[in-house]
N, C-alpha and C. Protein backbone atom coordinates (compact mmCIF):
# COMPACT_ATOMS: atom_id res chain seq x y z
N UNK A 1 -95.89 70.58 162.47
CA UNK A 1 -95.41 68.82 162.26
C UNK A 1 -94.35 69.02 161.08
N UNK A 2 -94.51 69.46 159.96
CA UNK A 2 -94.36 69.73 158.88
C UNK A 2 -93.61 70.87 158.25
N UNK A 3 -92.96 71.67 159.86
CA UNK A 3 -91.93 72.77 159.18
C UNK A 3 -92.70 74.19 158.91
N UNK A 4 -92.34 73.98 157.97
CA UNK A 4 -92.69 75.89 157.19
C UNK A 4 -94.01 75.48 156.43
N UNK A 5 -95.03 75.46 156.28
CA UNK A 5 -96.03 74.28 155.43
C UNK A 5 -96.00 75.63 154.19
N UNK A 6 -95.73 77.14 154.65
CA UNK A 6 -96.03 77.47 153.17
C UNK A 6 -94.76 77.44 151.83
N UNK A 7 -93.55 76.86 153.02
CA UNK A 7 -92.37 76.95 152.27
C UNK A 7 -92.29 75.29 151.25
N UNK A 8 -93.58 74.76 151.72
CA UNK A 8 -93.32 73.77 151.28
C UNK A 8 -94.45 73.52 150.30
N UNK A 9 -95.28 74.58 150.32
CA UNK A 9 -96.32 74.67 148.93
C UNK A 9 -95.27 75.42 148.25
N UNK A 10 -94.63 76.37 148.46
CA UNK A 10 -93.85 76.96 147.09
C UNK A 10 -93.19 75.79 146.12
N UNK A 11 -92.34 74.90 147.39
CA UNK A 11 -91.48 74.27 146.49
C UNK A 11 -92.23 72.93 145.87
N UNK A 12 -93.59 72.68 146.06
CA UNK A 12 -94.69 72.01 145.38
C UNK A 12 -95.48 72.81 144.39
N UNK A 13 -95.53 74.06 144.62
CA UNK A 13 -95.39 74.75 142.91
C UNK A 13 -94.46 74.59 141.90
N UNK A 14 -93.28 75.10 142.34
CA UNK A 14 -91.50 74.55 141.69
C UNK A 14 -91.95 73.30 140.81
N UNK A 15 -92.20 72.49 141.77
CA UNK A 15 -92.28 71.38 141.23
C UNK A 15 -93.26 70.79 140.03
N UNK A 16 -94.15 71.50 140.09
CA UNK A 16 -94.99 71.75 138.76
C UNK A 16 -94.88 72.21 137.89
N UNK A 17 -94.50 73.02 138.27
CA UNK A 17 -93.39 74.03 137.21
C UNK A 17 -92.26 73.62 136.23
N UNK A 18 -91.74 72.56 137.11
CA UNK A 18 -90.59 72.07 136.44
C UNK A 18 -90.97 70.91 135.79
N UNK A 19 -91.82 70.42 136.29
CA UNK A 19 -92.52 69.37 135.22
C UNK A 19 -93.42 69.29 133.78
N UNK A 20 -94.32 70.62 134.45
CA UNK A 20 -94.69 71.43 133.09
C UNK A 20 -93.61 71.73 131.88
N UNK A 21 -92.48 72.32 132.13
CA UNK A 21 -91.20 72.89 131.61
C UNK A 21 -91.10 71.53 130.79
N UNK A 22 -90.35 70.86 131.44
CA UNK A 22 -90.10 69.15 131.16
C UNK A 22 -90.27 68.28 130.17
N UNK A 23 -91.96 68.58 129.98
CA UNK A 23 -93.25 68.08 129.03
C UNK A 23 -92.76 69.28 128.26
N UNK A 24 -93.11 70.48 127.92
CA UNK A 24 -92.70 70.70 126.61
C UNK A 24 -91.12 71.02 126.16
N UNK A 25 -90.33 70.68 127.11
CA UNK A 25 -88.98 70.32 126.41
C UNK A 25 -88.92 69.12 125.48
N UNK A 26 -90.01 67.88 126.23
CA UNK A 26 -89.70 67.04 125.89
C UNK A 26 -90.52 67.21 124.33
N UNK A 27 -91.36 67.50 123.72
CA UNK A 27 -92.14 67.72 122.34
C UNK A 27 -91.01 68.25 121.43
N UNK A 28 -89.52 68.60 122.32
CA UNK A 28 -88.51 68.60 121.01
C UNK A 28 -87.48 67.32 121.18
N UNK A 29 -87.35 66.93 121.84
CA UNK A 29 -86.50 65.56 121.88
C UNK A 29 -86.85 64.23 120.97
N UNK A 30 -86.38 64.27 120.09
CA UNK A 30 -86.72 63.05 118.66
C UNK A 30 -86.16 61.46 119.10
N UNK A 31 -87.31 60.93 118.77
CA UNK A 31 -86.90 59.20 119.14
C UNK A 31 -87.17 58.51 117.59
N UNK A 32 -86.26 58.00 117.10
CA UNK A 32 -86.03 57.65 115.80
C UNK A 32 -86.74 56.12 115.99
N UNK A 33 -86.90 55.28 115.74
CA UNK A 33 -86.79 53.80 115.08
C UNK A 33 -86.76 53.04 113.58
N UNK A 34 -85.85 52.31 113.37
CA UNK A 34 -85.96 51.77 111.49
C UNK A 34 -86.30 50.13 112.11
N UNK A 35 -87.41 49.64 110.63
CA UNK A 35 -87.37 48.59 110.78
C UNK A 35 -87.59 48.33 109.47
N UNK A 36 -87.41 47.10 108.77
CA UNK A 36 -87.51 46.59 107.45
C UNK A 36 -85.91 46.64 107.07
N UNK A 37 -84.81 46.14 107.47
CA UNK A 37 -83.73 47.00 107.16
C UNK A 37 -83.98 48.65 106.78
N UNK A 38 -84.32 48.89 107.38
CA UNK A 38 -83.83 50.88 106.74
C UNK A 38 -85.27 51.26 105.72
N UNK A 39 -85.97 50.19 105.54
CA UNK A 39 -86.82 50.03 104.83
C UNK A 39 -88.42 51.49 105.29
N UNK A 40 -87.91 51.48 106.60
CA UNK A 40 -89.29 52.14 107.04
C UNK A 40 -88.50 52.53 108.42
N UNK A 41 -89.11 54.09 108.15
CA UNK A 41 -88.43 54.63 109.63
C UNK A 41 -89.74 55.61 110.57
N UNK A 42 -89.79 55.45 111.35
CA UNK A 42 -90.96 56.28 112.09
C UNK A 42 -90.03 57.25 113.03
N UNK A 43 -90.21 58.91 113.61
CA UNK A 43 -90.19 59.90 114.29
C UNK A 43 -91.09 60.06 115.09
N UNK A 44 -90.77 60.24 116.51
CA UNK A 44 -91.52 60.57 117.55
C UNK A 44 -90.87 61.33 118.58
N UNK A 45 -91.82 62.34 118.72
CA UNK A 45 -91.02 62.95 120.24
C UNK A 45 -91.99 61.87 121.62
N UNK A 46 -90.21 62.66 122.92
CA UNK A 46 -90.60 61.99 123.76
C UNK A 46 -91.55 62.15 124.81
N UNK A 47 -92.99 62.75 124.14
CA UNK A 47 -94.03 62.91 124.80
C UNK A 47 -95.00 61.90 123.64
N UNK A 48 -94.64 61.00 122.85
CA UNK A 48 -95.22 60.08 122.21
C UNK A 48 -96.08 60.41 120.73
N UNK A 49 -95.54 61.63 120.68
CA UNK A 49 -96.00 61.90 119.24
C UNK A 49 -96.17 61.94 118.27
N UNK A 50 -96.29 61.41 117.00
CA UNK A 50 -96.08 60.88 115.76
C UNK A 50 -95.01 62.14 115.06
N UNK A 51 -94.17 61.88 114.46
CA UNK A 51 -93.94 63.72 113.75
C UNK A 51 -93.51 62.96 111.97
N UNK A 52 -93.46 62.36 112.31
CA UNK A 52 -92.85 61.31 110.60
C UNK A 52 -92.98 60.13 110.54
N UNK A 53 -93.30 59.42 109.55
CA UNK A 53 -93.33 58.22 108.66
C UNK A 53 -92.80 57.93 107.67
N UNK A 54 -91.27 57.44 107.11
CA UNK A 54 -90.78 57.13 106.29
C UNK A 54 -91.35 55.74 105.27
N UNK A 55 -91.97 55.50 104.60
CA UNK A 55 -91.86 53.89 103.88
C UNK A 55 -91.20 54.06 102.80
N UNK A 56 -90.51 52.97 102.50
CA UNK A 56 -89.57 52.91 101.31
C UNK A 56 -90.51 52.51 99.94
N UNK A 57 -91.01 52.40 99.15
CA UNK A 57 -91.49 51.81 98.08
C UNK A 57 -91.94 50.50 97.83
N UNK A 58 -90.69 50.24 98.50
CA UNK A 58 -90.32 48.37 97.95
C UNK A 58 -91.62 47.94 99.06
N UNK A 59 -92.07 48.33 100.20
CA UNK A 59 -92.63 47.68 100.95
C UNK A 59 -94.24 48.07 100.87
N UNK A 60 -94.51 48.85 99.47
CA UNK A 60 -96.08 49.25 99.45
C UNK A 60 -96.45 48.21 98.30
N UNK A 61 -95.81 46.89 98.19
CA UNK A 61 -96.35 45.97 97.70
C UNK A 61 -96.91 44.48 98.23
N UNK A 62 -96.92 45.07 99.41
CA UNK A 62 -97.17 43.61 100.26
C UNK A 62 -97.79 44.48 102.01
N UNK A 63 -99.33 44.71 102.13
CA UNK A 63 -100.20 45.42 102.91
C UNK A 63 -99.75 44.89 104.14
N UNK A 64 -99.55 43.52 104.28
CA UNK A 64 -99.57 42.73 105.21
C UNK A 64 -98.43 42.96 105.92
N UNK A 65 -97.31 42.78 105.16
CA UNK A 65 -95.94 42.91 105.63
C UNK A 65 -96.24 44.76 106.26
N UNK A 66 -96.30 45.49 105.10
CA UNK A 66 -96.23 47.40 105.53
C UNK A 66 -96.38 47.09 107.29
N UNK A 67 -97.98 46.33 107.19
CA UNK A 67 -98.35 46.72 108.86
C UNK A 67 -98.10 46.37 109.91
N UNK A 68 -97.50 44.65 109.75
CA UNK A 68 -96.74 44.14 110.70
C UNK A 68 -95.41 45.04 110.99
N UNK A 69 -94.74 45.61 109.99
CA UNK A 69 -93.64 46.72 110.47
C UNK A 69 -93.93 47.66 110.73
N UNK A 70 -94.96 47.77 110.42
CA UNK A 70 -95.25 49.33 111.17
C UNK A 70 -95.79 49.29 112.38
N UNK A 71 -96.32 48.08 113.19
CA UNK A 71 -97.36 47.76 114.42
C UNK A 71 -95.94 47.58 115.35
N UNK A 72 -94.61 47.11 114.70
CA UNK A 72 -93.63 46.50 115.76
C UNK A 72 -92.43 47.84 115.73
N UNK A 73 -92.60 48.62 114.76
CA UNK A 73 -91.67 49.91 114.78
C UNK A 73 -92.16 50.49 115.55
N UNK A 74 -93.89 50.81 115.50
CA UNK A 74 -94.24 51.66 116.46
C UNK A 74 -94.05 51.84 118.16
N UNK A 75 -94.42 50.25 118.15
CA UNK A 75 -94.54 49.64 119.82
C UNK A 75 -92.87 50.05 120.51
N UNK A 76 -91.76 49.99 119.05
CA UNK A 76 -90.88 50.05 119.91
C UNK A 76 -90.09 51.26 119.59
N UNK A 77 -90.72 52.38 119.27
CA UNK A 77 -90.66 53.28 119.10
C UNK A 77 -91.37 54.31 120.53
N UNK A 78 -92.88 54.08 121.05
CA UNK A 78 -93.03 54.44 121.62
C UNK A 78 -92.82 53.73 122.80
N UNK A 79 -92.08 52.40 123.21
CA UNK A 79 -91.58 52.17 124.30
C UNK A 79 -90.49 53.13 124.63
N UNK A 80 -89.46 53.09 123.51
CA UNK A 80 -88.77 54.18 123.86
C UNK A 80 -88.58 55.47 124.28
N UNK A 81 -89.76 56.21 123.91
CA UNK A 81 -90.14 57.35 124.09
C UNK A 81 -90.47 57.08 125.01
N UNK A 82 -91.51 56.28 125.66
CA UNK A 82 -92.14 56.47 127.41
C UNK A 82 -90.76 56.34 128.66
N UNK A 83 -89.86 55.58 127.92
CA UNK A 83 -88.69 55.96 128.93
C UNK A 83 -88.04 57.04 129.15
N UNK A 84 -88.03 57.57 128.18
CA UNK A 84 -87.32 58.69 128.02
C UNK A 84 -88.68 60.06 129.17
N UNK A 85 -89.14 59.66 128.57
CA UNK A 85 -90.43 60.80 129.20
C UNK A 85 -90.70 60.42 130.66
N UNK A 86 -90.67 59.58 130.45
CA UNK A 86 -90.93 58.65 132.16
C UNK A 86 -89.55 58.81 133.17
N UNK A 87 -88.43 58.99 132.86
CA UNK A 87 -87.14 59.39 133.57
C UNK A 87 -87.09 61.20 133.44
N UNK A 88 -87.15 61.48 133.24
CA UNK A 88 -87.44 62.96 132.43
C UNK A 88 -87.90 63.66 133.48
N UNK A 89 -89.23 63.30 133.20
CA UNK A 89 -90.33 63.51 134.39
C UNK A 89 -90.10 63.23 135.84
N UNK A 90 -89.99 61.99 136.32
CA UNK A 90 -89.43 61.69 137.64
C UNK A 90 -88.07 62.72 138.05
N UNK A 91 -86.94 62.47 137.21
CA UNK A 91 -86.13 63.54 137.81
C UNK A 91 -86.64 65.07 138.20
N UNK A 92 -87.13 65.79 136.55
CA UNK A 92 -88.07 67.24 137.04
C UNK A 92 -88.77 67.23 138.43
N UNK A 93 -89.71 65.99 138.60
CA UNK A 93 -90.69 65.96 139.82
C UNK A 93 -89.88 66.23 141.17
N UNK A 94 -88.77 65.08 140.96
CA UNK A 94 -88.38 64.90 142.67
C UNK A 94 -86.94 66.33 142.92
N UNK A 95 -86.71 66.45 142.09
CA UNK A 95 -85.89 67.95 142.25
C UNK A 95 -86.50 69.57 142.50
N UNK A 96 -88.05 69.09 141.84
CA UNK A 96 -88.80 70.70 143.13
C UNK A 96 -89.25 70.22 144.32
N UNK A 97 -89.26 68.66 144.58
CA UNK A 97 -90.12 67.87 145.70
C UNK A 97 -89.68 68.43 146.72
N UNK A 98 -90.27 69.14 147.73
CA UNK A 98 -89.95 69.49 149.35
C UNK A 98 -89.32 68.07 149.94
N UNK A 99 -88.63 67.99 150.86
CA UNK A 99 -88.17 67.70 151.82
C UNK A 99 -88.90 66.86 152.78
N UNK A 100 -89.68 66.05 152.67
CA UNK A 100 -90.77 65.80 153.90
C UNK A 100 -90.19 64.46 154.37
N UNK A 101 -90.09 64.52 155.56
CA UNK A 101 -89.39 62.80 155.92
C UNK A 101 -90.32 61.78 155.76
N UNK A 102 -90.16 60.27 155.53
CA UNK A 102 -90.92 59.66 155.40
C UNK A 102 -91.55 59.34 153.91
N UNK A 103 -91.42 60.42 153.09
CA UNK A 103 -92.04 60.49 151.86
C UNK A 103 -91.61 60.24 150.45
N UNK A 104 -90.44 59.81 150.67
CA UNK A 104 -89.52 59.23 149.41
C UNK A 104 -89.42 58.68 148.28
N UNK A 105 -90.61 59.27 147.94
CA UNK A 105 -91.40 58.10 146.67
C UNK A 105 -90.92 58.09 145.27
N UNK A 106 -89.70 59.08 145.41
CA UNK A 106 -89.16 59.61 144.14
C UNK A 106 -87.72 58.56 144.08
N UNK A 107 -87.49 57.64 144.77
CA UNK A 107 -86.59 57.18 144.93
C UNK A 107 -86.08 56.59 143.53
């Protein structure tokens, strides 16, 4: 029914390896988000790991304002990183998947 089951299993294993390689590579893809007219900068990986937060001293006088900027900037950075992560992992998974008729789940 499915043809060469062993060959498909090998392709699935290769797809899993490609996904793992991509996850590792995404640790080195950096995403930056800047807020408060450049006074706040956040850097994280495409795997959504925060690498750096830079805060200008001018923002340290108002804790509530700083918290608001941090929340906004972190959410935007996480959204950017998530889009990159999802797109890259989908490509890696699709490229390694065996061609099973009717199983076009990665279109």
